[in-house]
Amino acid sequence: MAESVYKVIELVGVSTESWEKAATAAVERASKSLRELRIAEVVEQDLQLDDGKVVAYRVKVKVSFKYEDED
């Protein structure tokens, strides 16, 4: 089996509906500019509040993708 290297970045996704949609937004946006996404791990969740009411769900996501050398 050939050796592989993966890079990990952190993203923050935001949704007014749910944490799941916030995570999905982060991954879908990353997939537009990165190839070979492998793993997405939610590492933190929080809520944005306004006047004591939830206005947004936020998730911090670590996303890994295959690192390719520029030849």
Protein backbone atom coordinates (compact mmCIF):
# COMPACT_ATOMS: atom_id res chain seq x y z
CA MET A 1 0.00 0.00 0.00
CA ALA A 2 1.38 3.41 -0.96
CA GLU A 3 1.94 6.04 1.70
CA SER A 4 -0.43 8.99 1.88
CA VAL A 5 -0.42 12.33 3.63
CA TYR A 6 -3.52 14.26 4.66
CA LYS A 7 -3.89 17.89 5.64
CA VAL A 8 -6.37 18.98 8.32
CA ILE A 9 -8.05 22.38 8.38
CA GLU A 10 -10.65 23.92 10.67
CA LEU A 11 -13.81 25.51 9.36
CA VAL A 12 -16.81 27.13 11.03
CA GLY A 13 -20.23 26.44 9.56
CA VAL A 14 -23.29 28.50 10.46
CA SER A 15 -27.01 27.81 10.04
CA THR A 16 -30.15 29.43 11.34
CA GLU A 17 -31.81 25.98 11.46
CA SER A 18 -29.54 23.36 13.10
CA TRP A 19 -26.03 22.21 13.97
CA GLU A 20 -26.36 19.48 11.35
CA LYS A 21 -27.05 22.02 8.62
CA ALA A 22 -24.18 24.17 9.87
CA ALA A 23 -21.78 21.22 9.59
CA THR A 24 -23.14 20.32 6.17
CA ALA A 25 -22.66 23.89 4.96
CA ALA A 26 -19.00 23.84 6.03
CA VAL A 27 -18.28 20.52 4.30
CA GLU A 28 -20.17 21.37 1.13
CA ARG A 29 -18.36 24.71 0.81
CA ALA A 30 -14.97 23.05 1.38
CA SER A 31 -15.74 20.45 -1.29
CA LYS A 32 -15.99 23.23 -3.89
CA SER A 33 -12.31 24.11 -3.58
CA LEU A 34 -10.68 20.99 -2.08
CA ARG A 35 -10.38 17.53 -3.61
CA GLU A 36 -10.52 14.16 -1.93
CA LEU A 37 -12.12 15.17 1.36
CA ARG A 38 -11.82 12.24 3.75
CA ILE A 39 -13.06 12.96 7.26
CA ALA A 40 -15.06 15.73 8.90
CA GLU A 41 -15.07 15.87 12.69
CA VAL A 42 -17.27 18.26 14.65
CA VAL A 43 -15.04 19.52 17.46
CA GLU A 44 -17.15 22.30 18.92
CA GLN A 45 -20.73 23.54 18.84
CA ASP A 46 -22.13 26.85 20.02
CA LEU A 47 -25.13 29.09 19.62
CA GLN A 48 -25.38 32.71 18.61
CA LEU A 49 -27.95 34.51 20.75
CA ASP A 50 -29.87 37.73 20.35
CA ASP A 51 -32.09 39.00 23.15
CA GLY A 52 -32.01 35.56 24.80
CA LYS A 53 -33.11 33.72 21.65
CA VAL A 54 -31.13 31.40 19.40
CA VAL A 55 -30.44 33.08 16.07
CA ALA A 56 -27.74 30.75 14.69
CA TYR A 57 -26.13 27.36 15.23
CA ARG A 58 -22.36 27.24 14.75
CA VAL A 59 -20.03 24.27 14.50
CA LYS A 60 -16.27 24.09 14.28
CA VAL A 61 -15.33 21.25 11.95
CA LYS A 62 -11.94 19.67 11.29
CA VAL A 63 -11.81 18.48 7.68
CA SER A 64 -9.06 16.31 6.23
CA PHE A 65 -8.14 15.97 2.60
CA LYS A 66 -5.39 14.23 0.68
CA TYR A 67 -2.24 16.33 0.41
CA GLU A 68 -0.78 16.32 -3.09
CA ASP A 69 2.66 17.53 -4.08
CA GLU A 70 2.87 20.04 -6.87
CA ASP A 71 5.02 18.37 -9.51
